[in-house]
Amino acid sequence: MNPNFKARESRDGSPTPATRPLASGLRRLAAGCRSGIVGPGLLAASLCWLAACSIPLPSAQADRTRYYLLTAAPVQPGAEAGAALQRWIVGVRAVDVVPYLQTKSFAVRSHANEIVFLDSTRWGEPLDLGIARVLAENLQSLKNVARVSTQPFRADEQRDFEVLLRVTACEGAASGEVRFSARWRIVAPTAVAGTVAEGSYTASDLRWDGQDYSQLAAKLSEALAALSRDIAAALPREPAGSPSDAGSFELPRKNG
């Protein structure tokens, strides 16, 4: 045994609480060595065990992950309309997000070509499903939509139109900009050539403070509400062929 080895002691000369088991064990080992009871092999093993016992174990850390959801826009009271408005049955057929957004982590663009994914700040559901859910809720609240359904559709369910959406940006920027953009298409499922309208949307004038991720989720929800209004506005005002809607809506004709 190394005569120079000594357990750490407090200022008054006694072992500290963290090293008292080690000091006590060393004293017993020293006495065993002097009496010849403890052999070299057992001594080495005992020293390793005592050293391991003196290493403090790391304490458990609390999970600091935060989860957020997109939310639908508040329902606005409908204006008093003089004439009856055509109300459509709409299905949200598909919502696709670009590959870099296919993660639950929040995305924050730090530079034009650099994006950071935050492991401790996450969406509470897959982003495509959250966007489909909120899009359906927003459309349902608009005055020219009677009912909205989402995939999977029932086989016996009637739908006048279906919406397809591809989201190309849905993130915050370190500069404070809120980035949301998407391309959309409305199709008539019973038509031979079914595209009724299509377009794109890019959020503008939306800002966040760069730190409050609840605020970022709310601003992205605002962008999704504006997109929903654009899609609803592109629905026909009257059924195809209605005299009052002549010239404002016509399904593309099949060539040949």
C-alpha atoms as a PDB file:
ATOM      1  CA  MET A   1       0.000   0.000   0.000  1.00  0.00           C
ATOM      2  CA  ASN A   2       1.280   3.517  -0.904  1.00  0.00           C
ATOM      3  CA  PRO A   3       2.123   5.240   2.384  1.00  0.00           C
ATOM      4  CA  ASN A   4       1.652   8.633   0.716  1.00  0.00           C
ATOM      5  CA  PHE A   5      -2.040   7.914  -0.157  1.00  0.00           C
ATOM      6  CA  LYS A   6      -4.338   9.883   2.089  1.00  0.00           C
ATOM      7  CA  ALA A   7      -8.100  10.477   1.988  1.00  0.00           C
ATOM      8  CA  ARG A   8      -9.211  14.074   1.549  1.00  0.00           C
ATOM      9  CA  GLU A   9      -9.853  15.734   4.885  1.00  0.00           C
ATOM     10  CA  SER A  10     -11.793  18.724   6.055  1.00  0.00           C
ATOM     11  CA  ARG A  11     -10.105  21.714   7.647  1.00  0.00           C
ATOM     12  CA  ASP A  12     -10.375  20.189  11.142  1.00  0.00           C
ATOM     13  CA  GLY A  13      -8.510  17.043  10.001  1.00  0.00           C
ATOM     14  CA  SER A  14     -11.548  14.727   9.680  1.00  0.00           C
ATOM     15  CA  PRO A  15     -12.638  13.180   6.364  1.00  0.00           C
ATOM     16  CA  THR A  16     -15.292  15.089   4.442  1.00  0.00           C
ATOM     17  CA  PRO A  17     -18.788  13.495   4.252  1.00  0.00           C
ATOM     18  CA  ALA A  18     -18.188  12.465   0.636  1.00  0.00           C
ATOM     19  CA  THR A  19     -14.976  10.590   1.538  1.00  0.00           C
ATOM     20  CA  ARG A  20     -15.830   9.101   4.946  1.00  0.00           C
ATOM     21  CA  PRO A  21     -16.751   5.624   3.509  1.00  0.00           C
ATOM     22  CA  LEU A  22     -13.481   5.623   1.555  1.00  0.00           C
ATOM     23  CA  ALA A  23     -11.392   6.694   4.559  1.00  0.00           C
ATOM     24  CA  SER A  24     -13.007   4.079   6.789  1.00  0.00           C
ATOM     25  CA  GLY A  25     -12.425   1.358   4.212  1.00  0.00           C
ATOM     26  CA  LEU A  26      -8.802   2.368   3.758  1.00  0.00           C
ATOM     27  CA  ARG A  27      -8.189   2.141   7.484  1.00  0.00           C
ATOM     28  CA  ARG A  28      -9.628  -1.391   7.564  1.00  0.00           C
ATOM     29  CA  LEU A  29      -7.539  -2.397   4.557  1.00  0.00           C
ATOM     30  CA  ALA A  30      -4.389  -0.979   6.156  1.00  0.00           C
ATOM     31  CA  ALA A  31      -5.040  -2.988   9.313  1.00  0.00           C
ATOM     32  CA  GLY A  32      -5.589  -6.154   7.232  1.00  0.00           C
ATOM     33  CA  CYS A  33      -2.347  -5.613   5.336  1.00  0.00           C
ATOM     34  CA  ARG A  34      -0.367  -5.228   8.561  1.00  0.00           C
ATOM     35  CA  SER A  35      -1.840  -8.438   9.975  1.00  0.00           C
ATOM     36  CA  GLY A  36      -1.339 -10.373   6.722  1.00  0.00           C
ATOM     37  CA  ILE A  37      -5.068 -11.122   6.321  1.00  0.00           C
ATOM     38  CA  VAL A  38      -5.449  -9.138   3.080  1.00  0.00           C
ATOM     39  CA  GLY A  39      -3.407 -10.313   0.090  1.00  0.00           C
ATOM     40  CA  PRO A  40      -2.172  -8.102  -2.793  1.00  0.00           C
ATOM     41  CA  GLY A  41      -4.917  -9.205  -5.239  1.00  0.00           C
ATOM     42  CA  LEU A  42      -7.734  -8.623  -2.779  1.00  0.00           C
ATOM     43  CA  LEU A  43      -6.163  -5.330  -1.800  1.00  0.00           C
ATOM     44  CA  ALA A  44      -6.150  -4.069  -5.413  1.00  0.00           C
ATOM     45  CA  ALA A  45      -9.761  -5.136  -5.985  1.00  0.00           C
ATOM     46  CA  SER A  46     -10.862  -3.532  -2.752  1.00  0.00           C
ATOM     47  CA  LEU A  47      -9.155  -0.264  -3.629  1.00  0.00           C
ATOM     48  CA  CYS A  48     -10.941  -0.187  -7.028  1.00  0.00           C
ATOM     49  CA  TRP A  49     -14.296  -0.850  -5.337  1.00  0.00           C
ATOM     50  CA  LEU A  50     -13.765   1.835  -2.733  1.00  0.00           C
ATOM     51  CA  ALA A  51     -12.697   4.353  -5.380  1.00  0.00           C
ATOM     52  CA  ALA A  52     -15.828   3.612  -7.423  1.00  0.00           C
ATOM     53  CA  CYS A  53     -18.035   4.075  -4.366  1.00  0.00           C
ATOM     54  CA  SER A  54     -16.576   7.530  -3.810  1.00  0.00           C
ATOM     55  CA  ILE A  55     -17.516   8.846  -7.317  1.00  0.00           C
ATOM     56  CA  PRO A  56     -20.739  10.915  -7.106  1.00  0.00           C
ATOM     57  CA  LEU A  57     -23.508   9.755  -9.468  1.00  0.00           C
ATOM     58  CA  PRO A  58     -25.014  12.345 -11.839  1.00  0.00           C
ATOM     59  CA  SER A  59     -28.423  13.608 -10.772  1.00  0.00           C
ATOM     60  CA  ALA A  60     -31.462  13.156 -13.047  1.00  0.00           C
ATOM     61  CA  GLN A  61     -32.207  16.163 -15.238  1.00  0.00           C
ATOM     62  CA  ALA A  62     -35.753  17.431 -15.871  1.00  0.00           C
ATOM     63  CA  ASP A  63     -37.033  17.169 -19.440  1.00  0.00           C
ATOM     64  CA  ARG A  64     -37.155  20.762 -20.701  1.00  0.00           C
ATOM     65  CA  THR A  65     -38.751  19.960 -24.092  1.00  0.00           C
ATOM     66  CA  ARG A  66     -41.653  22.273 -24.952  1.00  0.00           C
ATOM     67  CA  TYR A  67     -44.439  21.338 -27.389  1.00  0.00           C
ATOM     68  CA  TYR A  68     -46.613  23.686 -29.453  1.00  0.00           C
ATOM     69  CA  LEU A  69     -49.654  23.450 -31.737  1.00  0.00           C
ATOM     70  CA  LEU A  70     -51.011  25.445 -34.637  1.00  0.00           C
ATOM     71  CA  THR A  71     -54.448  26.877 -33.868  1.00  0.00           C
ATOM     72  CA  ALA A  72     -57.465  27.770 -35.986  1.00  0.00           C
ATOM     73  CA  ALA A  73     -58.571  31.377 -36.387  1.00  0.00           C
ATOM     74  CA  PRO A  74     -61.398  32.585 -34.150  1.00  0.00           C
ATOM     75  CA  VAL A  75     -64.800  32.191 -35.789  1.00  0.00           C
ATOM     76  CA  GLN A  76     -66.019  35.541 -37.103  1.00  0.00           C
ATOM     77  CA  PRO A  77     -69.743  36.363 -37.015  1.00  0.00           C
ATOM     78  CA  GLY A  78     -71.185  36.221 -40.522  1.00  0.00           C
ATOM     79  CA  ALA A  79     -72.457  39.382 -42.129  1.00  0.00           C
ATOM     80  CA  GLU A  80     -76.154  39.705 -42.893  1.00  0.00           C
ATOM     81  CA  ALA A  81     -76.436  38.575 -46.514  1.00  0.00           C
ATOM     82  CA  GLY A  82     -79.257  39.682 -48.787  1.00  0.00           C
ATOM     83  CA  ALA A  83     -79.070  36.721 -51.165  1.00  0.00           C
ATOM     84  CA  ALA A  84     -78.519  33.093 -50.265  1.00  0.00           C
ATOM     85  CA  LEU A  85     -74.892  32.106 -50.705  1.00  0.00           C
ATOM     86  CA  GLN A  86     -73.850  28.794 -52.228  1.00  0.00           C
ATOM     87  CA  ARG A  87     -72.149  26.725 -49.538  1.00  0.00           C
ATOM     88  CA  TRP A  88     -69.839  23.911 -50.602  1.00  0.00           C
ATOM     89  CA  ILE A  89     -68.799  20.567 -49.163  1.00  0.00           C
ATOM     90  CA  VAL A  90     -65.004  20.600 -49.219  1.00  0.00           C
ATOM     91  CA  GLY A  91     -62.453  17.874 -48.591  1.00  0.00           C
ATOM     92  CA  VAL A  92     -58.813  18.494 -47.622  1.00  0.00           C
ATOM     93  CA  ARG A  93     -57.329  15.765 -49.778  1.00  0.00           C
ATOM     94  CA  ALA A  94     -53.606  16.161 -49.147  1.00  0.00           C
ATOM     95  CA  VAL A  95     -51.145  18.413 -47.329  1.00  0.00           C
ATOM     96  CA  ASP A  96     -47.525  17.920 -48.286  1.00  0.00           C
ATOM     97  CA  VAL A  97     -44.557  19.683 -46.686  1.00  0.00           C
ATOM     98  CA  VAL A  98     -41.107  19.968 -48.223  1.00  0.00           C
ATOM     99  CA  PRO A  99     -38.563  17.434 -46.899  1.00  0.00           C
ATOM    100  CA  TYR A 100     -36.681  19.768 -44.538  1.00  0.00           C
ATOM    101  CA  LEU A 101     -39.925  20.422 -42.650  1.00  0.00           C
ATOM    102  CA  GLN A 102     -40.703  16.740 -42.135  1.00  0.00           C
ATOM    103  CA  THR A 103     -39.565  16.847 -38.508  1.00  0.00           C
ATOM    104  CA  LYS A 104     -41.222  17.718 -35.212  1.00  0.00           C
ATOM    105  CA  SER A 105     -38.411  20.109 -34.278  1.00  0.00           C
ATOM    106  CA  PHE A 106     -39.017  23.827 -34.762  1.00  0.00           C
ATOM    107  CA  ALA A 107     -37.005  25.265 -37.623  1.00  0.00           C
ATOM    108  CA  VAL A 108     -35.324  28.662 -37.269  1.00  0.00           C
ATOM    109  CA  ARG A 109     -33.456  30.173 -40.204  1.00  0.00           C
ATOM    110  CA  SER A 110     -30.314  31.815 -38.895  1.00  0.00           C
ATOM    111  CA  HIS A 111     -28.947  32.884 -42.305  1.00  0.00           C
ATOM    112  CA  ALA A 112     -30.159  32.725 -45.899  1.00  0.00           C
ATOM    113  CA  ASN A 113     -28.662  29.249 -46.376  1.00  0.00           C
ATOM    114  CA  GLU A 114     -28.522  28.024 -42.765  1.00  0.00           C
ATOM    115  CA  ILE A 115     -31.331  26.577 -40.682  1.00  0.00           C
ATOM    116  CA  VAL A 116     -31.323  25.348 -37.061  1.00  0.00           C
ATOM    117  CA  PHE A 117     -33.570  22.559 -35.764  1.00  0.00           C
ATOM    118  CA  LEU A 118     -34.408  22.952 -32.074  1.00  0.00           C
ATOM    119  CA  ASP A 119     -34.544  19.599 -30.278  1.00  0.00           C
ATOM    120  CA  SER A 120     -36.083  21.114 -27.133  1.00  0.00           C
ATOM    121  CA  THR A 121     -38.801  23.027 -29.035  1.00  0.00           C
ATOM    122  CA  ARG A 122     -41.158  20.740 -30.943  1.00  0.00           C
ATOM    123  CA  TRP A 123     -44.515  20.533 -32.647  1.00  0.00           C
ATOM    124  CA  GLY A 124     -47.032  18.499 -30.695  1.00  0.00           C
ATOM    125  CA  GLU A 125     -48.048  16.633 -33.880  1.00  0.00           C
ATOM    126  CA  PRO A 126     -46.523  16.008 -37.319  1.00  0.00           C
ATOM    127  CA  LEU A 127     -46.541  19.329 -39.154  1.00  0.00           C
ATOM    128  CA  ASP A 128     -48.482  18.087 -42.197  1.00  0.00           C
ATOM    129  CA  LEU A 129     -51.255  16.708 -39.972  1.00  0.00           C
ATOM    130  CA  GLY A 130     -51.379  19.894 -37.914  1.00  0.00           C
ATOM    131  CA  ILE A 131     -51.678  22.066 -41.027  1.00  0.00           C
ATOM    132  CA  ALA A 132     -54.421  19.808 -42.458  1.00  0.00           C
ATOM    133  CA  ARG A 133     -56.335  19.965 -39.167  1.00  0.00           C
ATOM    134  CA  VAL A 134     -56.178  23.756 -38.889  1.00  0.00           C
ATOM    135  CA  LEU A 135     -56.902  24.293 -42.598  1.00  0.00           C
ATOM    136  CA  ALA A 136     -60.072  22.192 -42.248  1.00  0.00           C
ATOM    137  CA  GLU A 137     -61.153  24.083 -39.101  1.00  0.00           C
ATOM    138  CA  ASN A 138     -60.530  27.445 -40.777  1.00  0.00           C
ATOM    139  CA  LEU A 139     -62.447  26.519 -43.925  1.00  0.00           C
ATOM    140  CA  GLN A 140     -65.328  25.177 -41.857  1.00  0.00           C
ATOM    141  CA  SER A 141     -65.776  28.588 -40.223  1.00  0.00           C
ATOM    142  CA  LEU A 142     -66.051  30.503 -43.529  1.00  0.00           C
ATOM    143  CA  LYS A 143     -69.449  31.461 -44.842  1.00  0.00           C
ATOM    144  CA  ASN A 144     -69.270  29.747 -48.253  1.00  0.00           C
ATOM    145  CA  VAL A 145     -68.299  26.343 -46.820  1.00  0.00           C
ATOM    146  CA  ALA A 146     -70.978  24.025 -45.446  1.00  0.00           C
ATOM    147  CA  ARG A 147     -68.818  21.132 -44.302  1.00  0.00           C
ATOM    148  CA  VAL A 148     -65.184  20.051 -44.412  1.00  0.00           C
ATOM    149  CA  SER A 149     -63.719  16.562 -44.213  1.00  0.00           C
ATOM    150  CA  THR A 150     -60.156  15.284 -44.180  1.00  0.00           C
ATOM    151  CA  GLN A 151     -58.433  12.114 -45.302  1.00  0.00           C
ATOM    152  CA  PRO A 152     -59.313   9.287 -45.126  1.00  0.00           C
ATOM    153  CA  PHE A 153     -62.614  10.090 -46.833  1.00  0.00           C
ATOM    154  CA  ARG A 154     -65.625   7.826 -46.425  1.00  0.00           C
ATOM    155  CA  ALA A 155     -66.584   5.930 -49.561  1.00  0.00           C
ATOM    156  CA  ASP A 156     -70.159   7.271 -49.470  1.00  0.00           C
ATOM    157  CA  GLU A 157     -69.181  10.868 -48.684  1.00  0.00           C
ATOM    158  CA  GLN A 158     -70.142  13.585 -51.140  1.00  0.00           C
ATOM    159  CA  ARG A 159     -67.622  16.354 -51.834  1.00  0.00           C
ATOM    160  CA  ASP A 160     -68.068  19.273 -54.207  1.00  0.00           C
ATOM    161  CA  PHE A 161     -64.392  20.219 -54.171  1.00  0.00           C
ATOM    162  CA  GLU A 162     -61.106  18.985 -52.780  1.00  0.00           C
ATOM    163  CA  VAL A 163     -58.060  20.993 -51.719  1.00  0.00           C
ATOM    164  CA  LEU A 164     -54.444  19.989 -52.264  1.00  0.00           C
ATOM    165  CA  LEU A 165     -51.709  21.935 -50.497  1.00  0.00           C
ATOM    166  CA  ARG A 166     -47.905  21.933 -50.620  1.00  0.00           C
ATOM    167  CA  VAL A 167     -46.138  23.928 -47.891  1.00  0.00           C
ATOM    168  CA  THR A 168     -42.732  25.235 -48.915  1.00  0.00           C
ATOM    169  CA  ALA A 169     -41.821  27.274 -45.804  1.00  0.00           C
ATOM    170  CA  CYS A 170     -43.037  27.217 -42.196  1.00  0.00           C
ATOM    171  CA  GLU A 171     -40.468  28.653 -39.801  1.00  0.00           C
ATOM    172  CA  GLY A 172     -39.157  31.673 -38.002  1.00  0.00           C
ATOM    173  CA  ALA A 173     -36.011  33.609 -38.790  1.00  0.00           C
ATOM    174  CA  ALA A 174     -33.464  34.873 -36.295  1.00  0.00           C
ATOM    175  CA  SER A 175     -34.038  38.332 -37.765  1.00  0.00           C
ATOM    176  CA  GLY A 176     -37.674  38.232 -36.539  1.00  0.00           C
ATOM    177  CA  GLU A 177     -39.323  37.392 -39.864  1.00  0.00           C
ATOM    178  CA  VAL A 178     -42.068  34.745 -39.916  1.00  0.00           C
ATOM    179  CA  ARG A 179     -41.735  32.624 -43.052  1.00  0.00           C
ATOM    180  CA  PHE A 180     -44.756  30.750 -44.395  1.00  0.00           C
ATOM    181  CA  SER A 181     -45.468  29.954 -48.024  1.00  0.00           C
ATOM    182  CA  ALA A 182     -47.540  27.359 -49.851  1.00  0.00           C
ATOM    183  CA  ARG A 183     -49.000  26.406 -53.208  1.00  0.00           C
ATOM    184  CA  TRP A 184     -52.607  25.251 -53.381  1.00  0.00           C
ATOM    185  CA  ARG A 185     -55.018  23.702 -55.870  1.00  0.00           C
ATOM    186  CA  ILE A 186     -58.794  23.213 -55.815  1.00  0.00           C
ATOM    187  CA  VAL A 187     -60.164  20.285 -57.828  1.00  0.00           C
ATOM    188  CA  ALA A 188     -63.669  19.026 -58.571  1.00  0.00           C
ATOM    189  CA  PRO A 189     -63.468  15.256 -57.953  1.00  0.00           C
ATOM    190  CA  THR A 190     -66.346  14.414 -60.300  1.00  0.00           C
ATOM    191  CA  ALA A 191     -65.053  16.419 -63.271  1.00  0.00           C
ATOM    192  CA  VAL A 192     -63.056  14.911 -66.114  1.00  0.00           C
ATOM    193  CA  ALA A 193     -60.483  17.673 -65.928  1.00  0.00           C
ATOM    194  CA  GLY A 194     -60.903  18.680 -62.357  1.00  0.00           C
ATOM    195  CA  THR A 195     -58.716  21.746 -61.624  1.00  0.00           C
ATOM    196  CA  VAL A 196     -60.991  24.610 -60.633  1.00  0.00           C
ATOM    197  CA  ALA A 197     -58.429  27.092 -59.302  1.00  0.00           C
ATOM    198  CA  GLU A 198     -54.843  27.181 -58.143  1.00  0.00           C
ATOM    199  CA  GLY A 199     -52.519  29.705 -56.630  1.00  0.00           C
ATOM    200  CA  SER A 200     -49.822  30.441 -54.082  1.00  0.00           C
ATOM    201  CA  TYR A 201     -49.571  32.296 -50.809  1.00  0.00           C
ATOM    202  CA  THR A 202     -46.629  33.919 -49.017  1.00  0.00           C
ATOM    203  CA  ALA A 203     -46.984  35.537 -45.613  1.00  0.00           C
ATOM    204  CA  SER A 204     -45.927  39.156 -45.307  1.00  0.00           C
ATOM    205  CA  ASP A 205     -45.559  41.617 -42.442  1.00  0.00           C
ATOM    206  CA  LEU A 206     -45.560  38.895 -39.780  1.00  0.00           C
ATOM    207  CA  ARG A 207     -42.899  39.267 -37.076  1.00  0.00           C
ATOM    208  CA  TRP A 208     -41.870  37.519 -33.865  1.00  0.00           C
ATOM    209  CA  ASP A 209     -39.378  38.447 -31.158  1.00  0.00           C
ATOM    210  CA  GLY A 210     -36.914  35.652 -32.004  1.00  0.00           C
ATOM    211  CA  GLN A 211     -37.251  33.973 -28.590  1.00  0.00           C
ATOM    212  CA  ASP A 212     -40.930  33.274 -27.786  1.00  0.00           C
ATOM    213  CA  TYR A 213     -41.800  30.059 -29.648  1.00  0.00           C
ATOM    214  CA  SER A 214     -45.427  30.217 -28.535  1.00  0.00           C
ATOM    215  CA  GLN A 215     -45.577  33.557 -30.326  1.00  0.00           C
ATOM    216  CA  LEU A 216     -43.991  31.998 -33.417  1.00  0.00           C
ATOM    217  CA  ALA A 217     -46.610  29.208 -33.463  1.00  0.00           C
ATOM    218  CA  ALA A 218     -49.364  31.847 -33.166  1.00  0.00           C
ATOM    219  CA  LYS A 219     -47.938  33.889 -36.052  1.00  0.00           C
ATOM    220  CA  LEU A 220     -47.682  30.795 -38.269  1.00  0.00           C
ATOM    221  CA  SER A 221     -51.317  30.081 -37.358  1.00  0.00           C
ATOM    222  CA  GLU A 222     -52.202  33.605 -38.548  1.00  0.00           C
ATOM    223  CA  ALA A 223     -50.506  32.885 -41.870  1.00  0.00           C
ATOM    224  CA  LEU A 224     -52.459  29.642 -42.209  1.00  0.00           C
ATOM    225  CA  ALA A 225     -55.708  31.538 -41.521  1.00  0.00           C
ATOM    226  CA  ALA A 226     -54.934  33.987 -44.329  1.00  0.00           C
ATOM    227  CA  LEU A 227     -54.150  31.087 -46.681  1.00  0.00           C
ATOM    228  CA  SER A 228     -57.480  29.467 -45.757  1.00  0.00           C
ATOM    229  CA  ARG A 229     -59.346  32.663 -46.656  1.00  0.00           C
ATOM    230  CA  ASP A 230     -57.592  32.797 -50.049  1.00  0.00           C
ATOM    231  CA  ILE A 231     -58.623  29.220 -50.797  1.00  0.00           C
ATOM    232  CA  ALA A 232     -62.235  29.821 -49.761  1.00  0.00           C
ATOM    233  CA  ALA A 233     -62.371  32.979 -51.892  1.00  0.00           C
ATOM    234  CA  ALA A 234     -61.318  30.928 -54.939  1.00  0.00           C
ATOM    235  CA  LEU A 235     -64.322  28.605 -54.610  1.00  0.00           C
ATOM    236  CA  PRO A 236     -67.099  29.365 -57.157  1.00  0.00           C
ATOM    237  CA  ARG A 237     -69.871  31.685 -56.069  1.00  0.00           C
ATOM    238  CA  GLU A 238     -72.556  29.595 -57.757  1.00  0.00           C
ATOM    239  CA  PRO A 239     -72.801  26.052 -59.123  1.00  0.00           C
ATOM    240  CA  ALA A 240     -71.288  25.578 -62.589  1.00  0.00           C
ATOM    241  CA  GLY A 241     -73.764  26.540 -65.300  1.00  0.00           C
ATOM    242  CA  SER A 242     -75.781  28.894 -63.101  1.00  0.00           C
ATOM    243  CA  PRO A 243     -76.996  31.953 -65.076  1.00  0.00           C
ATOM    244  CA  SER A 244     -75.864  34.294 -62.296  1.00  0.00           C
ATOM    245  CA  ASP A 245     -72.373  32.842 -62.460  1.00  0.00           C
ATOM    246  CA  ALA A 246     -71.929  32.863 -66.208  1.00  0.00           C
ATOM    247  CA  GLY A 247     -68.359  33.557 -67.179  1.00  0.00           C
ATOM    248  CA  SER A 248     -66.997  33.476 -63.622  1.00  0.00           C
ATOM    249  CA  PHE A 249     -66.415  29.742 -63.362  1.00  0.00           C
ATOM    250  CA  GLU A 250     -65.999  26.983 -65.908  1.00  0.00           C
ATOM    251  CA  LEU A 251     -64.340  23.609 -65.635  1.00  0.00           C
ATOM    252  CA  PRO A 252     -61.606  23.077 -68.247  1.00  0.00           C
ATOM    253  CA  ARG A 253     -62.863  21.113 -71.189  1.00  0.00           C
ATOM    254  CA  LYS A 254     -61.312  17.848 -72.209  1.00  0.00           C
ATOM    255  CA  ASN A 255     -59.322  18.131 -75.446  1.00  0.00           C
ATOM    256  CA  GLY A 256     -60.657  16.083 -78.320  1.00  0.00           C
END
